[in-house]
Amino acid sequence: MKNIVVLYNHETEWDKEFPLEKSPETRLSFEDFYEFARKEGYFFYRADIAWFKEESGCFERGWTFSAGAWSHVTEPITPHAVFDKVAGKYDYSLFDLKMGMSKKFAVINSPLFRVQFDNKFSQYLAFSEYMPKTFLAENPGQFKRALQKISTTQVVIKEPYGSGGNQVSIIGKESADPLSQPYPVLLQEFIQTAGIPDFSEKGSVADLRLVFARGELVYALSRIAKAGSLLTNFHQGAKAVLVPIEKIPASCLTLAKSINEKLFLFEGTNYSLDFMFTTDGSPLFIEMNTTPGFDLLRLVGTPQIKETYYRKLLSTFN
């Protein structure tokens, strides 16, 4: 059996009966993955990065899931590999520690990959030719000047780090307040979209997520915003549907290929690419997620797709 530690930070649930008490969908999805992995010879743990001891190369404690129940592990855990799920905003402060780990065992995704691509501004610098026009503001003066350069009546304001749509707002330019921003922020032109060509329901606000493991497209899904919302995030009330590979527009696959040509420099990476489509059907790259979750896969994935993705993901820990 290979010991794999799923790495988090600021764990506050050690005194609970089970972790992820406030995120039941996430917990259920990991339980499904852990059970599959055990049958394949991988024993998974969950641990806070603060529990890692550099001298020994072990984690002093952790969680595990087996036989339908979570349990505390109080003896040292020696990993064969680490599955890094630490929030991206800590990439820089924890970089040296993670690189130290990588000298002892594999760290997936690469700490350098995460430093480079967790930041939405870095994503724009690397792939701006495929994305809506974006500006950086680090203070109110820059915010005002950037706002003047936005050609659309609405503006998308994003924090460089964040997930679940919690750090994203779409508002009219006249409502954008320079004094209330959590600087730095990104200002992005709002593009009118029309769902996935020849797939989405007419009039829906929907995106397309392509999920890759080891550089290979494994599955795709679409997140459809709830009525009256422009946000396609699952945690903002959107619903998800599986998208057959053959239904992905060829133009989007071509764009994804261009992005992947740069990402291939990193080995064994797991990530997702999000796209939206203009009213004329042209794809726009919106952002990358370097730690795609299992939540939506558990809800909409077929048994075959889940098995294929799980196997491909597990192979990165060898």
Protein backbone atom coordinates (compact mmCIF):
# COMPACT_ATOMS: atom_id res chain seq x y z
CA MET A 1 0.00 0.00 0.00
CA LYS A 2 1.20 3.51 -0.82
CA ASN A 3 0.49 6.24 1.71
CA ILE A 4 -0.81 9.44 0.12
CA VAL A 5 -1.44 12.54 2.25
CA VAL A 6 -4.03 15.05 1.05
CA LEU A 7 -2.57 18.33 2.24
CA TYR A 8 -4.64 21.19 3.67
CA ASN A 9 -3.86 24.14 5.93
CA HIS A 10 -5.34 25.66 9.09
CA GLU A 11 -7.17 22.49 10.08
CA THR A 12 -9.65 23.36 12.82
CA GLU A 13 -11.68 20.15 12.98
CA TRP A 14 -9.38 17.78 14.83
CA ASP A 15 -11.73 17.73 17.82
CA LYS A 16 -14.72 16.83 15.62
CA GLU A 17 -16.10 13.40 14.75
CA PHE A 18 -15.16 13.91 11.09
CA PRO A 19 -13.55 16.64 8.93
CA LEU A 20 -15.24 19.00 6.45
CA GLU A 21 -18.29 19.34 8.67
CA LYS A 22 -19.42 22.47 6.80
CA SER A 23 -18.69 21.03 3.32
CA PRO A 24 -20.66 17.77 3.12
CA GLU A 25 -20.48 17.49 -0.70
CA THR A 26 -16.70 17.82 -0.61
CA ARG A 27 -16.45 15.27 2.19
CA LEU A 28 -18.64 12.74 0.35
CA SER A 29 -16.64 13.15 -2.84
CA PHE A 30 -13.36 12.47 -1.06
CA GLU A 31 -14.86 9.48 0.71
CA ASP A 32 -15.77 8.04 -2.69
CA PHE A 33 -12.25 8.64 -3.98
CA TYR A 34 -10.55 7.24 -0.87
CA GLU A 35 -12.57 4.01 -1.06
CA PHE A 36 -11.70 3.53 -4.73
CA ALA A 37 -8.02 4.29 -4.10
CA ARG A 38 -7.78 1.73 -1.28
CA LYS A 39 -8.88 -1.04 -3.66
CA GLU A 40 -6.09 0.06 -6.01
CA GLY A 41 -3.40 -0.07 -3.32
CA TYR A 42 -3.36 3.57 -2.15
CA PHE A 43 -4.05 4.48 1.46
CA PHE A 44 -5.16 8.11 1.77
CA TYR A 45 -4.84 10.45 4.73
CA ARG A 46 -5.87 14.06 5.30
CA ALA A 47 -3.45 16.34 7.16
CA ASP A 48 -2.70 19.96 7.93
CA ILE A 49 0.63 21.17 6.57
CA ALA A 50 1.45 22.34 10.12
CA TRP A 51 1.54 18.68 11.16
CA PHE A 52 4.52 17.97 8.89
CA LYS A 53 7.85 17.49 10.65
CA GLU A 54 10.79 18.32 8.39
CA GLU A 55 13.34 16.43 10.48
CA SER A 56 11.57 13.09 10.11
CA GLY A 57 9.73 13.69 6.83
CA CYS A 58 6.51 12.50 8.53
CA PHE A 59 3.16 13.97 9.51
CA GLU A 60 2.61 13.71 13.24
CA ARG A 61 -1.11 12.96 12.84
CA GLY A 62 -3.98 12.98 10.34
CA TRP A 63 -7.39 11.72 9.34
CA THR A 64 -8.30 8.69 7.28
CA PHE A 65 -11.52 7.17 5.96
CA SER A 66 -12.17 3.45 5.94
CA ALA A 67 -15.16 1.09 6.18
CA GLY A 68 -17.57 3.99 5.96
CA ALA A 69 -16.16 6.03 8.84
CA TRP A 70 -13.53 8.70 9.53
CA SER A 71 -10.94 8.12 12.19
CA HIS A 72 -8.10 10.04 13.82
CA VAL A 73 -4.60 8.75 13.15
CA THR A 74 -2.30 9.70 16.03
CA GLU A 75 0.86 7.85 15.04
CA PRO A 76 3.34 9.36 12.52
CA ILE A 77 2.40 9.06 8.83
CA THR A 78 5.21 8.56 6.34
CA PRO A 79 3.92 9.50 2.86
CA HIS A 80 4.96 8.17 -0.51
CA ALA A 81 3.43 11.30 -2.05
CA VAL A 82 1.42 14.39 -1.14
CA PHE A 83 -1.71 15.64 -2.91
CA ASP A 84 -1.54 19.39 -2.36
CA LYS A 85 -4.92 21.02 -1.68
CA VAL A 86 -3.65 24.01 0.30
CA ALA A 87 -5.37 27.28 -0.69
CA GLY A 88 -3.49 29.10 -3.45
CA LYS A 89 -3.06 32.32 -1.48
CA TYR A 90 -0.47 30.49 0.66
CA ASP A 91 1.63 29.31 -2.31
CA TYR A 92 4.43 31.82 -1.78
CA SER A 93 4.66 31.62 2.00
CA LEU A 94 4.73 27.81 1.93
CA PHE A 95 6.83 27.40 -1.22
CA ASP A 96 10.15 26.56 0.50
CA LEU A 97 8.45 24.04 2.77
CA LYS A 98 6.73 22.30 -0.13
CA MET A 99 9.96 22.23 -2.16
CA GLY A 100 11.63 20.64 0.85
CA MET A 101 8.90 18.02 0.85
CA SER A 102 9.45 17.36 -2.86
CA LYS A 103 13.02 16.25 -2.10
CA LYS A 104 11.61 13.47 0.08
CA PHE A 105 8.50 12.44 -1.90
CA ALA A 106 6.36 13.55 -4.83
CA VAL A 107 4.22 16.67 -4.35
CA ILE A 108 1.26 16.88 -6.74
CA ASN A 109 0.77 19.44 -8.18
CA SER A 110 4.30 20.79 -8.39
CA PRO A 111 4.82 23.72 -5.97
CA LEU A 112 6.27 25.72 -8.87
CA PHE A 113 3.23 24.94 -11.03
CA ARG A 114 0.90 26.19 -8.31
CA VAL A 115 2.91 29.36 -7.65
CA GLN A 116 2.80 30.13 -11.35
CA PHE A 117 -0.84 29.37 -12.12
CA ASP A 118 -2.95 29.73 -8.96
CA ASN A 119 -2.81 33.51 -9.32
CA LYS A 120 -5.43 34.75 -11.80
CA PHE A 121 -3.20 37.65 -12.81
CA SER A 122 -0.39 35.22 -13.65
CA GLN A 123 -2.89 33.24 -15.73
CA TYR A 124 -3.72 36.41 -17.65
CA LEU A 125 -0.05 37.20 -18.25
CA ALA A 126 0.46 33.70 -19.67
CA PHE A 127 -2.75 33.37 -21.71
CA SER A 128 -4.05 36.91 -22.30
CA GLU A 129 -4.54 36.32 -26.03
CA TYR A 130 -7.36 33.88 -25.22
CA MET A 131 -9.03 35.86 -22.41
CA PRO A 132 -11.27 38.92 -21.97
CA LYS A 133 -9.29 42.16 -21.59
CA THR A 134 -8.10 42.50 -18.01
CA PHE A 135 -6.43 45.20 -15.91
CA LEU A 136 -4.65 45.14 -12.54
CA ALA A 137 -5.43 47.61 -9.76
CA GLU A 138 -3.38 47.78 -6.55
CA ASN A 139 -4.89 51.00 -5.21
CA PRO A 140 -7.90 53.31 -5.78
CA GLY A 141 -6.07 55.47 -8.32
CA GLN A 142 -5.21 52.47 -10.50
CA PHE A 143 -8.76 51.19 -10.09
CA LYS A 144 -10.23 54.42 -11.45
CA ARG A 145 -7.84 54.46 -14.41
CA ALA A 146 -8.49 50.78 -15.19
CA LEU A 147 -12.23 51.34 -15.01
CA GLN A 148 -11.94 54.05 -17.66
CA LYS A 149 -10.26 51.55 -19.99
CA ILE A 150 -13.06 48.98 -19.62
CA SER A 151 -15.14 49.27 -22.80
CA THR A 152 -18.18 47.33 -21.53
CA THR A 153 -20.98 48.74 -19.37
CA GLN A 154 -20.46 45.98 -16.81
CA VAL A 155 -17.19 44.97 -15.22
CA VAL A 156 -16.00 41.74 -13.64
CA ILE A 157 -13.96 42.36 -10.49
CA LYS A 158 -11.84 39.46 -9.22
CA GLU A 159 -9.35 38.90 -6.47
CA PRO A 160 -6.15 37.20 -7.69
CA TYR A 161 -6.88 34.19 -5.46
CA GLY A 162 -10.14 32.50 -4.60
CA SER A 163 -12.59 29.82 -5.64
CA GLY A 164 -16.29 29.13 -5.60
CA GLY A 165 -17.14 32.55 -6.99
CA ASN A 166 -16.81 34.15 -3.54
CA GLN A 167 -14.14 36.60 -4.70
CA VAL A 168 -15.88 37.58 -7.96
CA SER A 169 -18.47 40.29 -8.60
CA ILE A 170 -20.14 41.45 -11.82
CA ILE A 171 -21.55 44.95 -11.57
CA GLY A 172 -22.24 48.07 -13.60
CA LYS A 173 -19.21 50.33 -13.98
CA GLU A 174 -21.03 53.20 -12.30
CA SER A 175 -21.47 51.07 -9.17
CA ALA A 176 -17.80 50.10 -8.86
CA ASP A 177 -16.41 51.77 -5.72
CA PRO A 178 -12.62 52.28 -5.70
CA LEU A 179 -12.57 52.71 -1.92
CA SER A 180 -14.19 49.38 -1.03
CA GLN A 181 -11.93 47.00 -2.93
CA PRO A 182 -9.76 44.29 -1.28
CA TYR A 183 -6.63 45.26 -3.23
CA PRO A 184 -5.08 43.98 -5.36
CA VAL A 185 -7.97 43.24 -7.73
CA LEU A 186 -8.42 42.47 -11.41
CA LEU A 187 -10.92 44.35 -13.58
CA GLN A 188 -12.14 42.39 -16.58
CA GLU A 189 -14.40 43.35 -19.44
CA PHE A 190 -17.78 41.62 -19.22
CA ILE A 191 -18.49 39.61 -22.34
CA GLN A 192 -22.06 38.68 -23.25
CA THR A 193 -22.15 34.90 -23.51
CA ALA A 194 -24.55 32.37 -24.99
CA GLY A 195 -23.75 28.99 -23.45
CA ILE A 196 -22.01 26.12 -25.27
CA PRO A 197 -22.85 26.11 -28.99
CA ASP A 198 -25.16 23.23 -29.99
CA PHE A 199 -25.34 21.98 -26.41
CA SER A 200 -26.64 24.52 -23.87
CA GLU A 201 -30.28 25.52 -23.58
CA LYS A 202 -31.03 28.77 -25.38
CA GLY A 203 -30.71 31.79 -23.11
CA SER A 204 -28.81 29.97 -20.36
CA VAL A 205 -25.65 31.29 -18.73
CA ALA A 206 -23.31 28.32 -18.85
CA ASP A 207 -19.60 27.60 -18.97
CA LEU A 208 -17.50 24.64 -20.07
CA ARG A 209 -14.96 23.02 -17.78
CA LEU A 210 -12.34 20.67 -19.23
CA VAL A 211 -10.60 18.51 -16.63
CA PHE A 212 -7.11 17.17 -17.29
CA ALA A 213 -4.90 14.61 -15.55
CA ARG A 214 -1.31 14.09 -16.71
CA GLY A 215 -2.03 16.44 -19.60
CA GLU A 216 -4.89 14.32 -20.91
CA LEU A 217 -8.48 15.52 -21.17
CA VAL A 218 -10.47 13.05 -19.07
CA TYR A 219 -13.93 14.59 -18.87
CA ALA A 220 -15.89 17.81 -19.40
CA LEU A 221 -18.87 19.38 -17.69
CA SER A 222 -20.94 22.52 -17.90
CA ARG A 223 -22.06 24.62 -14.95
CA ILE A 224 -25.32 26.45 -15.53
CA ALA A 225 -26.04 29.59 -13.49
CA LYS A 226 -29.26 29.73 -11.51
CA ALA A 227 -32.00 32.04 -12.79
CA GLY A 228 -31.07 35.70 -12.45
CA SER A 229 -27.38 35.00 -11.79
CA LEU A 230 -24.32 35.45 -14.00
CA LEU A 231 -22.12 33.23 -11.81
CA THR A 232 -21.63 29.63 -12.94
CA ASN A 233 -19.99 28.44 -9.72
CA PHE A 234 -21.50 25.36 -8.08
CA HIS A 235 -21.25 26.94 -4.64
CA GLN A 236 -23.20 29.95 -5.95
CA GLY A 237 -26.21 27.81 -6.85
CA ALA A 238 -25.27 26.67 -10.35
CA LYS A 239 -26.13 23.15 -11.50
CA ALA A 240 -23.82 20.90 -13.47
CA VAL A 241 -24.24 18.53 -16.39
CA LEU A 242 -21.74 16.21 -18.02
CA VAL A 243 -20.64 17.24 -21.52
CA PRO A 244 -19.73 14.38 -23.89
CA ILE A 245 -16.28 14.89 -25.40
CA GLU A 246 -17.78 14.83 -28.89
CA LYS A 247 -19.99 17.80 -27.97
CA ILE A 248 -17.05 20.07 -27.16
CA PRO A 249 -16.72 22.68 -29.94
CA ALA A 250 -13.63 22.10 -32.07
CA SER A 251 -12.61 25.74 -31.63
CA CYS A 252 -12.47 25.23 -27.86
CA LEU A 253 -10.36 22.08 -28.15
CA THR A 254 -7.94 23.98 -30.38
CA LEU A 255 -7.68 26.78 -27.84
CA ALA A 256 -7.18 24.28 -24.99
CA LYS A 257 -4.41 22.60 -26.99
CA SER A 258 -2.56 25.92 -27.26
CA ILE A 259 -2.81 26.42 -23.50
CA ASN A 260 -1.68 22.86 -22.78
CA GLU A 261 1.44 23.29 -24.91
CA LYS A 262 2.75 25.58 -22.16
CA LEU A 263 1.47 23.44 -19.28
CA PHE A 264 3.20 20.32 -20.66
CA LEU A 265 6.45 21.70 -19.23
CA PHE A 266 5.22 20.36 -15.87
CA GLU A 267 4.93 16.61 -15.32
CA GLY A 268 1.98 14.80 -13.78
CA THR A 269 -0.26 17.84 -13.35
CA ASN A 270 -3.98 17.81 -12.57
CA TYR A 271 -6.00 20.91 -13.46
CA SER A 272 -9.13 22.22 -15.13
CA LEU A 273 -9.67 24.92 -17.76
CA ASP A 274 -12.87 26.99 -17.79
CA PHE A 275 -14.29 28.51 -20.95
CA MET A 276 -17.31 30.59 -21.95
CA PHE A 277 -18.59 31.38 -25.42
CA THR A 278 -19.47 34.69 -27.04
CA THR A 279 -22.80 35.19 -28.81
CA ASP A 280 -21.11 34.22 -32.10
CA GLY A 281 -19.86 30.94 -30.58
CA SER A 282 -16.19 31.90 -30.09
CA PRO A 283 -14.52 30.40 -26.99
CA LEU A 284 -12.97 32.58 -24.30
CA PHE A 285 -10.61 31.21 -21.67
CA ILE A 286 -11.81 32.36 -18.25
CA GLU A 287 -9.48 30.73 -15.73
CA MET A 288 -7.59 27.66 -14.60
CA ASN A 289 -8.08 25.67 -11.40
CA THR A 290 -4.94 23.87 -10.20
CA THR A 291 -6.85 21.95 -7.52
CA PRO A 292 -10.08 20.77 -9.19
CA GLY A 293 -12.35 19.02 -6.73
CA PHE A 294 -14.37 15.81 -6.91
CA ASP A 295 -17.72 17.37 -5.94
CA LEU A 296 -19.19 17.75 -9.42
CA LEU A 297 -17.63 14.52 -10.68
CA ARG A 298 -19.41 12.62 -7.90
CA LEU A 299 -22.73 14.24 -8.83
CA VAL A 300 -22.68 14.01 -12.63
CA GLY A 301 -19.90 11.59 -13.58
CA THR A 302 -20.68 8.14 -14.90
CA PRO A 303 -19.04 5.15 -13.15
CA GLN A 304 -16.74 4.75 -16.18
CA ILE A 305 -15.64 8.39 -16.20
CA LYS A 306 -15.03 8.38 -12.46
CA GLU A 307 -12.95 5.23 -12.69
CA THR A 308 -10.93 6.59 -15.62
CA TYR A 309 -10.24 9.87 -13.82
CA TYR A 310 -9.43 8.23 -10.50
CA ARG A 311 -6.98 5.80 -12.13
CA LYS A 312 -5.28 8.57 -14.11
CA LEU A 313 -4.99 10.71 -11.00
CA LEU A 314 -3.62 7.85 -8.89
CA SER A 315 -0.96 7.16 -11.50
CA THR A 316 0.57 10.60 -10.79
CA PHE A 317 1.55 9.42 -7.31
CA ASN A 318 3.77 6.59 -8.56
